[in-house]
């Protein structure tokens, strides 16, 4: 069962709220209305809340298709792990960095595309029954 806030913030409404939040943070940072630490904390909090909301939406989408939310680890885990591992490669080593980007793309793209298609495809519960 959805909560009222979850019903209120779906689709275009979520995009509008997220855009307003990002714009407000950018303006506050650009005009130095907030101290740097406060701006970073607000940006991090906004990012964490938005990420959690997206995970909830993806989980609901997968459950509508008869899959568990743990499938998200298979779909997007390799990409997150690879990006984290690439952060340890020194920027001065251009060849290793380029090779890691190519390998990450080749290895992670099939899983991420599979996840995008699983989450974005219509489920049987999405089909409207004519009356």
C-alpha atoms as a PDB file:
ATOM      1  CA  UNK A   1       0.000   0.000   0.000  1.00  0.00           C
ATOM      2  CA  UNK A   2       1.283   3.422  -0.912  1.00  0.00           C
ATOM      3  CA  UNK A   3       1.585   6.234   1.540  1.00  0.00           C
ATOM      4  CA  UNK A   4      -0.004   9.609   0.682  1.00  0.00           C
ATOM      5  CA  UNK A   5       3.380  11.298   0.124  1.00  0.00           C
ATOM      6  CA  UNK A   6       4.350   8.467  -2.205  1.00  0.00           C
ATOM      7  CA  UNK A   7       1.158   8.966  -4.227  1.00  0.00           C
ATOM      8  CA  UNK A   8       1.690  12.715  -4.354  1.00  0.00           C
ATOM      9  CA  UNK A   9       5.264  12.551  -5.617  1.00  0.00           C
ATOM     10  CA  UNK A  10       5.297  10.287  -8.638  1.00  0.00           C
ATOM     11  CA  UNK A  11       6.067  10.931 -12.266  1.00  0.00           C
ATOM     12  CA  UNK A  12       6.214  14.576 -13.317  1.00  0.00           C
ATOM     13  CA  UNK A  13       5.611  15.841  -9.787  1.00  0.00           C
ATOM     14  CA  UNK A  14       8.754  14.098  -8.589  1.00  0.00           C
ATOM     15  CA  UNK A  15      10.768  15.587 -11.450  1.00  0.00           C
ATOM     16  CA  UNK A  16       9.467  19.067 -10.644  1.00  0.00           C
ATOM     17  CA  UNK A  17      10.230  18.721  -6.911  1.00  0.00           C
ATOM     18  CA  UNK A  18      13.702  17.351  -7.623  1.00  0.00           C
ATOM     19  CA  UNK A  19      14.414  20.159 -10.100  1.00  0.00           C
ATOM     20  CA  UNK A  20      13.309  22.818  -7.630  1.00  0.00           C
ATOM     21  CA  UNK A  21      15.476  21.275  -4.909  1.00  0.00           C
ATOM     22  CA  UNK A  22      18.547  21.089  -7.148  1.00  0.00           C
ATOM     23  CA  UNK A  23      17.981  24.642  -8.381  1.00  0.00           C
ATOM     24  CA  UNK A  24      17.626  25.950  -4.807  1.00  0.00           C
ATOM     25  CA  UNK A  25      20.847  24.210  -3.749  1.00  0.00           C
ATOM     26  CA  UNK A  26      22.685  25.513  -6.802  1.00  0.00           C
ATOM     27  CA  UNK A  27      21.499  29.091  -6.221  1.00  0.00           C
ATOM     28  CA  UNK A  28      22.424  28.937  -2.539  1.00  0.00           C
ATOM     29  CA  UNK A  29      25.881  27.659  -3.452  1.00  0.00           C
ATOM     30  CA  UNK A  30      26.370  30.105  -6.358  1.00  0.00           C
ATOM     31  CA  UNK A  31      25.436  33.196  -4.362  1.00  0.00           C
ATOM     32  CA  UNK A  32      27.176  31.890  -1.209  1.00  0.00           C
ATOM     33  CA  UNK A  33      23.983  32.151   0.832  1.00  0.00           C
ATOM     34  CA  UNK A  34      25.038  29.175   2.935  1.00  0.00           C
ATOM     35  CA  UNK A  35      28.398  28.214   4.383  1.00  0.00           C
ATOM     36  CA  UNK A  36      30.242  25.641   2.269  1.00  0.00           C
ATOM     37  CA  UNK A  37      29.789  22.879   4.874  1.00  0.00           C
ATOM     38  CA  UNK A  38      26.038  23.492   5.131  1.00  0.00           C
ATOM     39  CA  UNK A  39      25.693  23.454   1.359  1.00  0.00           C
ATOM     40  CA  UNK A  40      27.562  20.141   1.144  1.00  0.00           C
ATOM     41  CA  UNK A  41      25.467  18.593   3.914  1.00  0.00           C
ATOM     42  CA  UNK A  42      22.216  19.700   2.269  1.00  0.00           C
ATOM     43  CA  UNK A  43      23.383  18.387  -1.094  1.00  0.00           C
ATOM     44  CA  UNK A  44      24.313  15.048   0.444  1.00  0.00           C
ATOM     45  CA  UNK A  45      20.997  14.798   2.320  1.00  0.00           C
ATOM     46  CA  UNK A  46      19.028  15.663  -0.814  1.00  0.00           C
ATOM     47  CA  UNK A  47      20.990  13.085  -2.813  1.00  0.00           C
ATOM     48  CA  UNK A  48      20.454  10.348  -0.230  1.00  0.00           C
ATOM     49  CA  UNK A  49      16.705  11.031  -0.017  1.00  0.00           C
ATOM     50  CA  UNK A  50      16.318  11.076  -3.786  1.00  0.00           C
ATOM     51  CA  UNK A  51      18.382   7.873  -4.120  1.00  0.00           C
ATOM     52  CA  UNK A  52      16.240   6.128  -1.487  1.00  0.00           C
ATOM     53  CA  UNK A  53      13.070   7.252  -3.271  1.00  0.00           C
ATOM     54  CA  UNK A  54      14.332   5.910  -6.593  1.00  0.00           C
ATOM     55  CA  UNK A  55      15.238   2.586  -4.954  1.00  0.00           C
ATOM     56  CA  UNK A  56      11.712   2.335  -3.545  1.00  0.00           C
ATOM     57  CA  UNK A  57      10.243   3.019  -6.980  1.00  0.00           C
ATOM     58  CA  UNK A  58      12.513   0.417  -8.608  1.00  0.00           C
ATOM     59  CA  UNK A  59      11.642  -2.123  -5.916  1.00  0.00           C
ATOM     60  CA  UNK A  60       7.917  -1.549  -6.465  1.00  0.00           C
ATOM     61  CA  UNK A  61       8.389  -1.910 -10.195  1.00  0.00           C
ATOM     62  CA  UNK A  62      10.243  -5.201  -9.785  1.00  0.00           C
ATOM     63  CA  UNK A  63       7.656  -6.545  -7.346  1.00  0.00           C
ATOM     64  CA  UNK A  64       4.925  -5.737  -9.872  1.00  0.00           C
ATOM     65  CA  UNK A  65       6.819  -7.921 -12.316  1.00  0.00           C
ATOM     66  CA  UNK A  66       7.084 -10.760  -9.774  1.00  0.00           C
ATOM     67  CA  UNK A  67      10.758 -10.211  -8.896  1.00  0.00           C
ATOM     68  CA  UNK A  68      12.402  -9.432  -5.580  1.00  0.00           C
ATOM     69  CA  UNK A  69      14.144  -6.122  -4.857  1.00  0.00           C
ATOM     70  CA  UNK A  70      17.467  -7.936  -4.528  1.00  0.00           C
ATOM     71  CA  UNK A  71      17.625  -8.045  -8.326  1.00  0.00           C
ATOM     72  CA  UNK A  72      18.785  -4.418  -8.146  1.00  0.00           C
ATOM     73  CA  UNK A  73      22.148  -5.677  -6.880  1.00  0.00           C
ATOM     74  CA  UNK A  74      22.558  -7.839  -9.975  1.00  0.00           C
ATOM     75  CA  UNK A  75      21.433  -5.063 -12.305  1.00  0.00           C
ATOM     76  CA  UNK A  76      23.406  -2.131 -10.923  1.00  0.00           C
ATOM     77  CA  UNK A  77      25.917  -3.664  -8.493  1.00  0.00           C
ATOM     78  CA  UNK A  78      28.645  -4.326 -11.067  1.00  0.00           C
ATOM     79  CA  UNK A  79      28.553  -0.711 -12.269  1.00  0.00           C
ATOM     80  CA  UNK A  80      28.745   0.719  -8.751  1.00  0.00           C
ATOM     81  CA  UNK A  81      31.564  -1.665  -7.809  1.00  0.00           C
ATOM     82  CA  UNK A  82      33.527  -0.874 -10.970  1.00  0.00           C
ATOM     83  CA  UNK A  83      33.200   2.880 -10.515  1.00  0.00           C
ATOM     84  CA  UNK A  84      34.320   2.522  -6.910  1.00  0.00           C
ATOM     85  CA  UNK A  85      37.334   0.443  -8.014  1.00  0.00           C
ATOM     86  CA  UNK A  86      38.215   3.012 -10.706  1.00  0.00           C
ATOM     87  CA  UNK A  87      38.466   5.717  -8.065  1.00  0.00           C
ATOM     88  CA  UNK A  88      41.691   4.061  -6.842  1.00  0.00           C
ATOM     89  CA  UNK A  89      43.431   4.336 -10.224  1.00  0.00           C
ATOM     90  CA  UNK A  90      45.727   7.382 -10.315  1.00  0.00           C
ATOM     91  CA  UNK A  91      44.749   9.981 -12.880  1.00  0.00           C
ATOM     92  CA  UNK A  92      48.343  10.141 -14.105  1.00  0.00           C
ATOM     93  CA  UNK A  93      48.063   6.563 -15.442  1.00  0.00           C
ATOM     94  CA  UNK A  94      45.956   7.367 -18.512  1.00  0.00           C
ATOM     95  CA  UNK A  95      46.279   3.941 -20.150  1.00  0.00           C
ATOM     96  CA  UNK A  96      45.068   2.060 -17.079  1.00  0.00           C
ATOM     97  CA  UNK A  97      42.222   4.526 -16.631  1.00  0.00           C
ATOM     98  CA  UNK A  98      41.113   4.157 -20.250  1.00  0.00           C
ATOM     99  CA  UNK A  99      41.340   0.362 -20.067  1.00  0.00           C
ATOM    100  CA  UNK A 100      39.290   0.291 -16.854  1.00  0.00           C
ATOM    101  CA  UNK A 101      36.601   2.515 -18.418  1.00  0.00           C
ATOM    102  CA  UNK A 102      36.372   0.246 -21.476  1.00  0.00           C
ATOM    103  CA  UNK A 103      36.260  -2.937 -19.365  1.00  0.00           C
ATOM    104  CA  UNK A 104      33.677  -1.402 -17.032  1.00  0.00           C
ATOM    105  CA  UNK A 105      31.499  -0.441 -19.989  1.00  0.00           C
ATOM    106  CA  UNK A 106      31.790  -3.887 -21.592  1.00  0.00           C
ATOM    107  CA  UNK A 107      31.159  -5.782 -18.363  1.00  0.00           C
ATOM    108  CA  UNK A 108      28.477  -3.605 -16.762  1.00  0.00           C
ATOM    109  CA  UNK A 109      26.388  -2.496 -19.730  1.00  0.00           C
ATOM    110  CA  UNK A 110      24.551  -5.793 -20.242  1.00  0.00           C
ATOM    111  CA  UNK A 111      23.519  -5.937 -16.575  1.00  0.00           C
ATOM    112  CA  UNK A 112      22.468  -2.279 -16.461  1.00  0.00           C
ATOM    113  CA  UNK A 113      20.503  -2.536 -19.714  1.00  0.00           C
ATOM    114  CA  UNK A 114      18.814  -5.685 -18.483  1.00  0.00           C
ATOM    115  CA  UNK A 115      17.839  -3.827 -15.308  1.00  0.00           C
ATOM    116  CA  UNK A 116      16.536  -0.820 -17.214  1.00  0.00           C
ATOM    117  CA  UNK A 117      14.390  -3.065 -19.419  1.00  0.00           C
ATOM    118  CA  UNK A 118      13.099  -5.060 -16.435  1.00  0.00           C
ATOM    119  CA  UNK A 119      12.174  -1.924 -14.526  1.00  0.00           C
ATOM    120  CA  UNK A 120      10.833   0.011 -17.497  1.00  0.00           C
ATOM    121  CA  UNK A 121       8.822  -2.730 -19.176  1.00  0.00           C
ATOM    122  CA  UNK A 122       5.103  -2.934 -18.580  1.00  0.00           C
ATOM    123  CA  UNK A 123       3.967  -5.567 -16.146  1.00  0.00           C
ATOM    124  CA  UNK A 124       0.701  -7.425 -16.258  1.00  0.00           C
ATOM    125  CA  UNK A 125      -0.671  -5.270 -13.449  1.00  0.00           C
ATOM    126  CA  UNK A 126      -0.023  -2.154 -15.586  1.00  0.00           C
ATOM    127  CA  UNK A 127      -2.295  -3.316 -18.369  1.00  0.00           C
ATOM    128  CA  UNK A 128      -5.736  -1.830 -18.088  1.00  0.00           C
ATOM    129  CA  UNK A 129      -8.649  -4.150 -18.400  1.00  0.00           C
ATOM    130  CA  UNK A 130     -11.382  -2.731 -20.659  1.00  0.00           C
ATOM    131  CA  UNK A 131     -14.750  -2.426 -18.955  1.00  0.00           C
END
